[in-house]
Amino acid sequence: METRVLIAYGTKYGATAEIAEKIGEVLREAGLTADVLRADRVGELGVYDAVVVGSGVYIGRWRKEAAKFVKDNEQALATKPLWVFSSGPTGEGDPVEMVQGWRLPSDLQPIVDHVQPRDIVVFHGAADASKMGRLDKWLLKNVKAPTGDFRDWDVIAAWAGDIAAALQAGTGA
């Protein structure tokens, strides 16, 4: 029986979309069926056996489309194996430490507590000033966040590999 996984994401400049695509690639390489979609383009969740949802983080908040997806699909997500990721901090070091232990926006915490994801991670992000508007450039400067690509593809692939292993072993269900 085929296991079908949805990877839904919210992104502003595309860095989180690339993380979602990498997760989908690893899942497909493991023999799973993986659909990678922007969160605001997801249709019926009933066709999926498991869900991975993630978002880029801006000023401590998820992108609207990803937050809305989680809120609108709370009941369905509670019935499926779910993994959650955020991407955002730029620079060197442990991404969770860099955001003072933050793992999710506070407005999503009650929903996530209800749906009980198998794991919640924070990945390093990427910030390309050439793609940003003035406000985002100003925000980066004010929080002294470095620009560049700080995503650790090995860490992302390993996490996706753990998801694949759990689903194949039946422990994700």
N, C-alpha and C. Protein backbone atom coordinates (compact mmCIF):
# COMPACT_ATOMS: atom_id res chain seq x y z
N MET A 1 0.85 -1.19 0.00
CA MET A 1 0.00 0.00 0.00
C MET A 1 0.89 1.25 0.00
N GLU A 2 0.56 2.16 -0.87
CA GLU A 2 1.36 3.39 -1.00
C GLU A 2 1.03 4.36 0.14
N THR A 3 2.07 5.01 0.66
CA THR A 3 1.89 6.03 1.68
C THR A 3 2.05 7.37 1.00
N ARG A 4 1.03 8.20 1.15
CA ARG A 4 1.02 9.51 0.49
C ARG A 4 1.18 10.60 1.55
N VAL A 5 2.19 11.44 1.34
CA VAL A 5 2.53 12.48 2.31
C VAL A 5 2.39 13.85 1.66
N LEU A 6 1.77 14.75 2.39
CA LEU A 6 1.67 16.15 1.97
C LEU A 6 2.73 16.95 2.69
N ILE A 7 3.48 17.74 1.95
CA ILE A 7 4.37 18.73 2.54
C ILE A 7 3.79 20.09 2.16
N ALA A 8 3.19 20.76 3.13
CA ALA A 8 2.55 22.06 2.92
C ALA A 8 3.45 23.12 3.56
N TYR A 9 3.59 24.26 2.89
CA TYR A 9 4.52 25.26 3.40
C TYR A 9 4.01 26.67 3.11
N GLY A 10 4.57 27.61 3.89
CA GLY A 10 4.39 29.03 3.66
C GLY A 10 5.76 29.65 3.47
N THR A 11 5.89 30.47 2.45
CA THR A 11 7.18 31.08 2.15
C THR A 11 6.97 32.49 1.63
N LYS A 12 7.95 33.34 1.83
CA LYS A 12 7.87 34.70 1.31
C LYS A 12 8.80 34.89 0.13
N TYR A 13 10.03 34.43 0.27
CA TYR A 13 11.02 34.64 -0.78
C TYR A 13 11.50 33.34 -1.43
N GLY A 14 10.97 32.20 -0.99
CA GLY A 14 11.28 30.94 -1.64
C GLY A 14 12.22 30.01 -0.89
N ALA A 15 12.89 30.48 0.16
CA ALA A 15 13.83 29.61 0.88
C ALA A 15 13.11 28.46 1.57
N THR A 16 11.95 28.72 2.14
CA THR A 16 11.20 27.65 2.81
C THR A 16 10.62 26.69 1.78
N ALA A 17 10.24 27.19 0.63
CA ALA A 17 9.76 26.30 -0.44
C ALA A 17 10.86 25.32 -0.82
N GLU A 18 12.10 25.77 -0.87
CA GLU A 18 13.21 24.88 -1.20
C GLU A 18 13.42 23.84 -0.12
N ILE A 19 13.21 24.20 1.14
CA ILE A 19 13.29 23.21 2.23
C ILE A 19 12.19 22.17 2.04
N ALA A 20 10.98 22.62 1.77
CA ALA A 20 9.86 21.69 1.55
C ALA A 20 10.15 20.75 0.38
N GLU A 21 10.71 21.28 -0.70
CA GLU A 21 11.05 20.45 -1.85
C GLU A 21 12.10 19.40 -1.48
N LYS A 22 13.07 19.78 -0.67
CA LYS A 22 14.10 18.82 -0.23
C LYS A 22 13.47 17.71 0.59
N ILE A 23 12.56 18.06 1.48
CA ILE A 23 11.87 17.05 2.29
C ILE A 23 11.10 16.10 1.37
N GLY A 24 10.39 16.65 0.40
CA GLY A 24 9.66 15.83 -0.56
C GLY A 24 10.58 14.91 -1.34
N GLU A 25 11.72 15.43 -1.75
CA GLU A 25 12.70 14.63 -2.50
C GLU A 25 13.18 13.44 -1.68
N VAL A 26 13.51 13.68 -0.42
CA VAL A 26 13.99 12.60 0.46
C VAL A 26 12.89 11.55 0.66
N LEU A 27 11.66 12.00 0.86
CA LEU A 27 10.55 11.06 1.04
C LEU A 27 10.32 10.22 -0.21
N ARG A 28 10.39 10.85 -1.38
CA ARG A 28 10.22 10.11 -2.63
C ARG A 28 11.35 9.10 -2.84
N GLU A 29 12.58 9.51 -2.52
CA GLU A 29 13.71 8.59 -2.63
C GLU A 29 13.53 7.37 -1.73
N ALA A 30 12.79 7.53 -0.64
CA ALA A 30 12.52 6.43 0.29
C ALA A 30 11.33 5.59 -0.16
N GLY A 31 10.73 5.94 -1.29
CA GLY A 31 9.63 5.14 -1.83
C GLY A 31 8.24 5.61 -1.46
N LEU A 32 8.15 6.76 -0.82
CA LEU A 32 6.85 7.32 -0.47
C LEU A 32 6.37 8.26 -1.57
N THR A 33 5.08 8.49 -1.63
CA THR A 33 4.53 9.48 -2.55
C THR A 33 4.44 10.80 -1.79
N ALA A 34 5.05 11.84 -2.31
CA ALA A 34 5.10 13.12 -1.60
C ALA A 34 4.66 14.24 -2.53
N ASP A 35 3.67 14.99 -2.08
CA ASP A 35 3.19 16.18 -2.79
C ASP A 35 3.66 17.40 -2.02
N VAL A 36 4.35 18.31 -2.68
CA VAL A 36 4.85 19.53 -2.06
C VAL A 36 4.02 20.69 -2.61
N LEU A 37 3.27 21.35 -1.70
CA LEU A 37 2.35 22.41 -2.13
C LEU A 37 2.41 23.59 -1.18
N ARG A 38 2.27 24.80 -1.77
CA ARG A 38 2.05 25.96 -0.90
C ARG A 38 0.79 25.70 -0.09
N ALA A 39 0.81 26.10 1.16
CA ALA A 39 -0.30 25.80 2.07
C ALA A 39 -1.63 26.33 1.56
N ASP A 40 -1.62 27.45 0.84
CA ASP A 40 -2.88 28.01 0.35
C ASP A 40 -3.35 27.35 -0.94
N ARG A 41 -2.64 26.32 -1.39
CA ARG A 41 -3.03 25.61 -2.61
C ARG A 41 -3.41 24.15 -2.33
N VAL A 42 -3.48 23.80 -1.06
CA VAL A 42 -3.82 22.43 -0.67
C VAL A 42 -5.33 22.24 -0.76
N GLY A 43 -5.73 21.12 -1.35
CA GLY A 43 -7.15 20.78 -1.41
C GLY A 43 -7.53 19.88 -0.25
N GLU A 44 -8.09 18.73 -0.57
CA GLU A 44 -8.60 17.78 0.42
C GLU A 44 -7.46 17.04 1.11
N LEU A 45 -7.48 17.03 2.44
CA LEU A 45 -6.44 16.33 3.19
C LEU A 45 -6.70 14.83 3.29
N GLY A 46 -7.93 14.41 3.00
CA GLY A 46 -8.30 13.01 3.15
C GLY A 46 -7.49 12.05 2.31
N VAL A 47 -6.88 12.53 1.23
CA VAL A 47 -6.09 11.65 0.36
C VAL A 47 -4.69 11.39 0.91
N TYR A 48 -4.31 12.08 1.98
CA TYR A 48 -2.96 11.95 2.53
C TYR A 48 -2.96 11.09 3.79
N ASP A 49 -1.89 10.30 3.92
CA ASP A 49 -1.71 9.46 5.09
C ASP A 49 -0.94 10.18 6.19
N ALA A 50 -0.17 11.18 5.82
CA ALA A 50 0.64 11.94 6.77
C ALA A 50 0.87 13.34 6.21
N VAL A 51 1.23 14.26 7.11
CA VAL A 51 1.42 15.66 6.70
C VAL A 51 2.68 16.21 7.37
N VAL A 52 3.43 16.98 6.58
CA VAL A 52 4.53 17.81 7.08
C VAL A 52 4.12 19.23 6.75
N VAL A 53 4.17 20.11 7.73
CA VAL A 53 3.82 21.51 7.47
C VAL A 53 4.90 22.41 8.04
N GLY A 54 5.23 23.44 7.29
CA GLY A 54 6.26 24.36 7.76
C GLY A 54 6.09 25.75 7.19
N SER A 55 6.84 26.67 7.78
CA SER A 55 6.74 28.05 7.33
C SER A 55 8.04 28.79 7.62
N GLY A 56 8.28 29.78 6.79
CA GLY A 56 9.30 30.75 7.10
C GLY A 56 8.78 31.60 8.25
N VAL A 57 9.69 32.10 9.07
CA VAL A 57 9.32 32.89 10.24
C VAL A 57 9.79 34.32 10.02
N TYR A 58 8.87 35.24 10.26
CA TYR A 58 9.16 36.67 10.14
C TYR A 58 8.62 37.36 11.37
N ILE A 59 9.51 37.96 12.13
CA ILE A 59 9.16 38.67 13.36
C ILE A 59 8.36 37.75 14.29
N GLY A 60 8.81 36.52 14.40
CA GLY A 60 8.19 35.57 15.32
C GLY A 60 6.86 35.01 14.86
N ARG A 61 6.53 35.20 13.61
CA ARG A 61 5.23 34.71 13.10
C ARG A 61 5.45 33.87 11.86
N TRP A 62 4.55 32.91 11.68
CA TRP A 62 4.53 32.13 10.45
C TRP A 62 3.87 32.93 9.35
N ARG A 63 4.11 32.56 8.12
CA ARG A 63 3.42 33.15 6.98
C ARG A 63 1.92 32.87 7.14
N LYS A 64 1.12 33.83 6.70
CA LYS A 64 -0.34 33.72 6.88
C LYS A 64 -0.92 32.45 6.28
N GLU A 65 -0.45 32.05 5.08
CA GLU A 65 -1.03 30.88 4.43
C GLU A 65 -0.75 29.60 5.22
N ALA A 66 0.41 29.50 5.85
CA ALA A 66 0.73 28.31 6.63
C ALA A 66 -0.06 28.30 7.94
N ALA A 67 -0.13 29.44 8.62
CA ALA A 67 -0.90 29.52 9.86
C ALA A 67 -2.37 29.22 9.61
N LYS A 68 -2.92 29.76 8.53
CA LYS A 68 -4.32 29.53 8.18
C LYS A 68 -4.55 28.05 7.87
N PHE A 69 -3.61 27.42 7.18
CA PHE A 69 -3.72 25.99 6.87
C PHE A 69 -3.85 25.17 8.16
N VAL A 70 -2.98 25.45 9.13
CA VAL A 70 -3.01 24.71 10.39
C VAL A 70 -4.32 24.96 11.13
N LYS A 71 -4.74 26.23 11.19
CA LYS A 71 -5.98 26.55 11.89
C LYS A 71 -7.20 25.94 11.21
N ASP A 72 -7.27 26.05 9.89
CA ASP A 72 -8.43 25.54 9.16
C ASP A 72 -8.52 24.02 9.14
N ASN A 73 -7.39 23.35 9.31
CA ASN A 73 -7.35 21.89 9.19
C ASN A 73 -7.03 21.20 10.51
N GLU A 74 -7.27 21.88 11.61
CA GLU A 74 -6.91 21.33 12.92
C GLU A 74 -7.49 19.92 13.13
N GLN A 75 -8.78 19.75 12.85
CA GLN A 75 -9.41 18.44 13.10
C GLN A 75 -8.79 17.34 12.24
N ALA A 76 -8.58 17.61 10.97
CA ALA A 76 -7.99 16.61 10.08
C ALA A 76 -6.55 16.31 10.48
N LEU A 77 -5.79 17.33 10.85
CA LEU A 77 -4.39 17.13 11.23
C LEU A 77 -4.27 16.30 12.51
N ALA A 78 -5.27 16.38 13.37
CA ALA A 78 -5.25 15.61 14.62
C ALA A 78 -5.40 14.11 14.37
N THR A 79 -5.83 13.73 13.17
CA THR A 79 -6.05 12.31 12.86
C THR A 79 -4.92 11.70 12.04
N LYS A 80 -3.89 12.48 11.74
CA LYS A 80 -2.81 12.02 10.88
C LYS A 80 -1.46 12.21 11.54
N PRO A 81 -0.48 11.37 11.17
CA PRO A 81 0.88 11.68 11.62
C PRO A 81 1.29 13.04 11.05
N LEU A 82 1.84 13.88 11.91
CA LEU A 82 2.16 15.26 11.53
C LEU A 82 3.55 15.62 12.03
N TRP A 83 4.31 16.27 11.16
CA TRP A 83 5.60 16.84 11.53
C TRP A 83 5.56 18.32 11.17
N VAL A 84 6.22 19.15 11.99
CA VAL A 84 6.15 20.60 11.84
C VAL A 84 7.56 21.19 11.82
N PHE A 85 7.79 22.13 10.89
CA PHE A 85 9.08 22.82 10.88
C PHE A 85 8.88 24.31 10.66
N SER A 86 9.84 25.06 11.19
CA SER A 86 9.94 26.49 10.94
C SER A 86 11.33 26.75 10.39
N SER A 87 11.45 27.75 9.55
CA SER A 87 12.77 28.15 9.07
C SER A 87 12.90 29.65 9.26
N GLY A 88 14.07 30.06 9.68
CA GLY A 88 14.18 31.49 9.89
C GLY A 88 15.51 32.01 10.32
N PRO A 89 16.04 31.55 11.47
CA PRO A 89 17.24 32.25 11.94
C PRO A 89 18.39 32.12 10.96
N THR A 90 19.08 33.22 10.77
CA THR A 90 20.26 33.21 9.93
C THR A 90 21.47 33.42 10.83
N GLY A 91 22.58 32.87 10.42
CA GLY A 91 23.79 32.96 11.21
C GLY A 91 24.24 31.58 11.64
N GLU A 92 25.26 31.55 12.46
CA GLU A 92 25.84 30.28 12.91
C GLU A 92 25.32 29.95 14.30
N GLY A 93 25.22 28.66 14.60
CA GLY A 93 24.81 28.22 15.92
C GLY A 93 23.54 27.41 15.87
N ASP A 94 23.12 26.94 17.04
CA ASP A 94 21.90 26.15 17.15
C ASP A 94 20.70 27.06 16.87
N PRO A 95 19.86 26.72 15.86
CA PRO A 95 18.76 27.62 15.52
C PRO A 95 17.76 27.82 16.64
N VAL A 96 17.51 26.81 17.45
CA VAL A 96 16.55 26.96 18.56
C VAL A 96 17.13 27.89 19.62
N GLU A 97 18.41 27.75 19.91
CA GLU A 97 19.05 28.66 20.87
C GLU A 97 19.04 30.09 20.34
N MET A 98 19.23 30.24 19.03
CA MET A 98 19.26 31.57 18.43
C MET A 98 17.93 32.30 18.57
N VAL A 99 16.84 31.53 18.68
CA VAL A 99 15.51 32.14 18.85
C VAL A 99 15.00 31.94 20.28
N GLN A 100 15.94 31.83 21.20
CA GLN A 100 15.66 31.71 22.64
C GLN A 100 14.63 30.61 22.96
N GLY A 101 14.76 29.47 22.31
CA GLY A 101 13.90 28.33 22.59
C GLY A 101 12.55 28.34 21.88
N TRP A 102 12.27 29.40 21.14
CA TRP A 102 11.02 29.52 20.39
C TRP A 102 10.94 28.39 19.37
N ARG A 103 9.79 27.74 19.29
CA ARG A 103 9.61 26.69 18.29
C ARG A 103 8.39 26.92 17.41
N LEU A 104 7.44 27.69 17.91
CA LEU A 104 6.21 27.97 17.16
C LEU A 104 5.66 29.31 17.57
N PRO A 105 4.90 29.96 16.68
CA PRO A 105 4.20 31.18 17.08
C PRO A 105 3.20 30.86 18.19
N SER A 106 3.08 31.74 19.16
CA SER A 106 2.20 31.48 20.31
C SER A 106 0.75 31.26 19.91
N ASP A 107 0.27 31.90 18.83
CA ASP A 107 -1.13 31.72 18.43
C ASP A 107 -1.39 30.32 17.88
N LEU A 108 -0.35 29.61 17.45
CA LEU A 108 -0.53 28.25 16.94
C LEU A 108 -0.32 27.19 18.01
N GLN A 109 0.25 27.57 19.14
CA GLN A 109 0.61 26.58 20.16
C GLN A 109 -0.59 25.76 20.64
N PRO A 110 -1.75 26.36 20.93
CA PRO A 110 -2.88 25.53 21.38
C PRO A 110 -3.32 24.50 20.33
N ILE A 111 -3.28 24.90 19.08
CA ILE A 111 -3.66 23.98 18.00
C ILE A 111 -2.64 22.86 17.90
N VAL A 112 -1.38 23.20 17.91
CA VAL A 112 -0.33 22.20 17.80
C VAL A 112 -0.36 21.26 19.01
N ASP A 113 -0.65 21.80 20.19
CA ASP A 113 -0.80 20.94 21.37
C ASP A 113 -1.92 19.93 21.16
N HIS A 114 -2.99 20.34 20.49
CA HIS A 114 -4.12 19.45 20.22
C HIS A 114 -3.78 18.40 19.18
N VAL A 115 -3.12 18.79 18.10
CA VAL A 115 -2.88 17.86 17.00
C VAL A 115 -1.69 16.92 17.26
N GLN A 116 -0.87 17.23 18.25
CA GLN A 116 0.21 16.34 18.69
C GLN A 116 1.17 15.91 17.57
N PRO A 117 1.93 16.84 17.00
CA PRO A 117 2.89 16.44 15.96
C PRO A 117 3.94 15.48 16.52
N ARG A 118 4.47 14.67 15.62
CA ARG A 118 5.52 13.71 16.00
C ARG A 118 6.82 14.44 16.32
N ASP A 119 7.04 15.59 15.69
CA ASP A 119 8.25 16.37 15.94
C ASP A 119 8.02 17.80 15.48
N ILE A 120 8.71 18.73 16.13
CA ILE A 120 8.69 20.14 15.77
C ILE A 120 10.15 20.59 15.73
N VAL A 121 10.59 21.11 14.58
CA VAL A 121 11.98 21.55 14.46
C VAL A 121 12.05 22.98 13.94
N VAL A 122 13.19 23.58 14.20
CA VAL A 122 13.51 24.89 13.65
C VAL A 122 14.79 24.73 12.84
N PHE A 123 14.72 25.08 11.56
CA PHE A 123 15.88 25.03 10.68
C PHE A 123 16.42 26.44 10.47
N HIS A 124 17.70 26.51 10.20
CA HIS A 124 18.27 27.78 9.76
C HIS A 124 17.60 28.18 8.44
N GLY A 125 17.52 29.46 8.20
CA GLY A 125 16.92 29.97 6.98
C GLY A 125 17.94 30.63 6.08
N ALA A 126 17.40 31.35 5.13
CA ALA A 126 18.23 32.11 4.19
C ALA A 126 17.62 33.49 4.04
N ALA A 127 18.47 34.48 3.92
CA ALA A 127 18.01 35.86 3.72
C ALA A 127 18.83 36.48 2.59
N ASP A 128 18.17 36.73 1.48
CA ASP A 128 18.82 37.32 0.32
C ASP A 128 18.32 38.76 0.18
N ALA A 129 19.15 39.69 0.57
CA ALA A 129 18.76 41.11 0.58
C ALA A 129 18.34 41.60 -0.80
N SER A 130 18.88 41.00 -1.86
CA SER A 130 18.52 41.44 -3.21
C SER A 130 17.07 41.13 -3.57
N LYS A 131 16.44 40.23 -2.83
CA LYS A 131 15.03 39.88 -3.07
C LYS A 131 14.08 40.65 -2.15
N MET A 132 14.61 41.35 -1.17
CA MET A 132 13.79 41.95 -0.13
C MET A 132 13.39 43.38 -0.43
N GLY A 133 12.24 43.71 0.13
CA GLY A 133 11.78 45.09 0.10
C GLY A 133 12.47 45.89 1.20
N ARG A 134 12.23 47.18 1.19
CA ARG A 134 12.88 48.05 2.17
C ARG A 134 12.55 47.69 3.61
N LEU A 135 11.30 47.36 3.89
CA LEU A 135 10.91 47.04 5.26
C LEU A 135 11.66 45.81 5.77
N ASP A 136 11.72 44.75 4.97
CA ASP A 136 12.41 43.54 5.40
C ASP A 136 13.91 43.79 5.57
N LYS A 137 14.50 44.58 4.70
CA LYS A 137 15.92 44.93 4.85
C LYS A 137 16.14 45.69 6.16
N TRP A 138 15.24 46.62 6.45
CA TRP A 138 15.33 47.41 7.67
C TRP A 138 15.20 46.51 8.91
N LEU A 139 14.24 45.57 8.86
CA LEU A 139 14.05 44.66 9.98
C LEU A 139 15.29 43.80 10.22
N LEU A 140 15.86 43.26 9.15
CA LEU A 140 17.07 42.46 9.29
C LEU A 140 18.20 43.27 9.91
N LYS A 141 18.34 44.49 9.45
CA LYS A 141 19.40 45.35 9.98
C LYS A 141 19.18 45.63 11.46
N ASN A 142 17.94 45.90 11.84
CA ASN A 142 17.65 46.24 13.24
C ASN A 142 17.84 45.07 14.19
N VAL A 143 17.58 43.86 13.74
CA VAL A 143 17.80 42.70 14.62
C VAL A 143 19.21 42.13 14.44
N LYS A 144 19.99 42.80 13.60
CA LYS A 144 21.38 42.41 13.34
C LYS A 144 21.48 40.97 12.84
N ALA A 145 20.54 40.57 12.00
CA ALA A 145 20.56 39.24 11.40
C ALA A 145 21.41 39.26 10.14
N PRO A 146 22.33 38.34 10.02
CA PRO A 146 23.17 38.32 8.82
C PRO A 146 22.39 37.83 7.61
N THR A 147 22.78 38.30 6.45
CA THR A 147 22.19 37.81 5.21
C THR A 147 23.04 36.66 4.69
N GLY A 148 22.42 35.85 3.86
CA GLY A 148 23.10 34.69 3.29
C GLY A 148 22.24 33.45 3.46
N ASP A 149 22.75 32.34 2.99
CA ASP A 149 22.04 31.07 3.07
C ASP A 149 22.67 30.23 4.16
N PHE A 150 21.94 30.03 5.24
CA PHE A 150 22.44 29.30 6.40
C PHE A 150 21.75 27.94 6.57
N ARG A 151 20.96 27.55 5.57
CA ARG A 151 20.26 26.27 5.66
C ARG A 151 21.27 25.12 5.66
N ASP A 152 21.05 24.15 6.52
CA ASP A 152 21.92 22.98 6.61
C ASP A 152 21.18 21.82 5.95
N TRP A 153 21.52 21.57 4.70
CA TRP A 153 20.79 20.57 3.91
C TRP A 153 20.95 19.17 4.46
N ASP A 154 22.07 18.87 5.09
CA ASP A 154 22.25 17.54 5.70
C ASP A 154 21.28 17.35 6.87
N VAL A 155 21.12 18.37 7.68
CA VAL A 155 20.19 18.30 8.81
C VAL A 155 18.75 18.15 8.30
N ILE A 156 18.40 18.90 7.28
CA ILE A 156 17.06 18.83 6.70
C ILE A 156 16.80 17.44 6.12
N ALA A 157 17.77 16.92 5.37
CA ALA A 157 17.62 15.60 4.76
C ALA A 157 17.54 14.51 5.83
N ALA A 158 18.32 14.63 6.89
CA ALA A 158 18.28 13.63 7.96
C ALA A 158 16.91 13.63 8.64
N TRP A 159 16.36 14.82 8.87
CA TRP A 159 15.03 14.92 9.50
C TRP A 159 13.99 14.27 8.60
N ALA A 160 14.04 14.56 7.31
CA ALA A 160 13.11 13.96 6.36
C ALA A 160 13.31 12.44 6.32
N GLY A 161 14.55 12.00 6.41
CA GLY A 161 14.82 10.56 6.45
C GLY A 161 14.20 9.90 7.67
N ASP A 162 14.23 10.59 8.80
CA ASP A 162 13.59 10.06 10.01
C ASP A 162 12.07 9.95 9.82
N ILE A 163 11.48 10.92 9.13
CA ILE A 163 10.04 10.86 8.85
C ILE A 163 9.75 9.64 7.97
N ALA A 164 10.54 9.47 6.92
CA ALA A 164 10.35 8.32 6.01
C ALA A 164 10.47 7.02 6.79
N ALA A 165 11.48 6.90 7.63
CA ALA A 165 11.68 5.67 8.40
C ALA A 165 10.49 5.39 9.32
N ALA A 166 9.99 6.44 9.98
CA ALA A 166 8.85 6.27 10.88
C ALA A 166 7.61 5.81 10.11
N LEU A 167 7.38 6.41 8.95
CA LEU A 167 6.21 6.02 8.16
C LEU A 167 6.35 4.61 7.60
N GLN A 168 7.53 4.25 7.17
CA GLN A 168 7.76 2.90 6.63
C GLN A 168 7.65 1.85 7.71
N ALA A 169 8.05 2.19 8.93
CA ALA A 169 7.99 1.24 10.04
C ALA A 169 6.59 1.19 10.67
N GLY A 170 5.74 2.11 10.22
CA GLY A 170 4.40 2.17 10.80
C GLY A 170 4.33 2.88 12.12
N THR A 171 5.46 3.50 12.55
CA THR A 171 5.45 4.21 13.83
C THR A 171 4.99 5.65 13.68
N GLY A 172 4.86 6.12 12.44
CA GLY A 172 4.37 7.48 12.24
C GLY A 172 2.87 7.53 12.23
N ALA A 173 2.25 6.36 12.03
CA ALA A 173 0.79 6.30 11.94
C ALA A 173 0.14 6.14 13.28
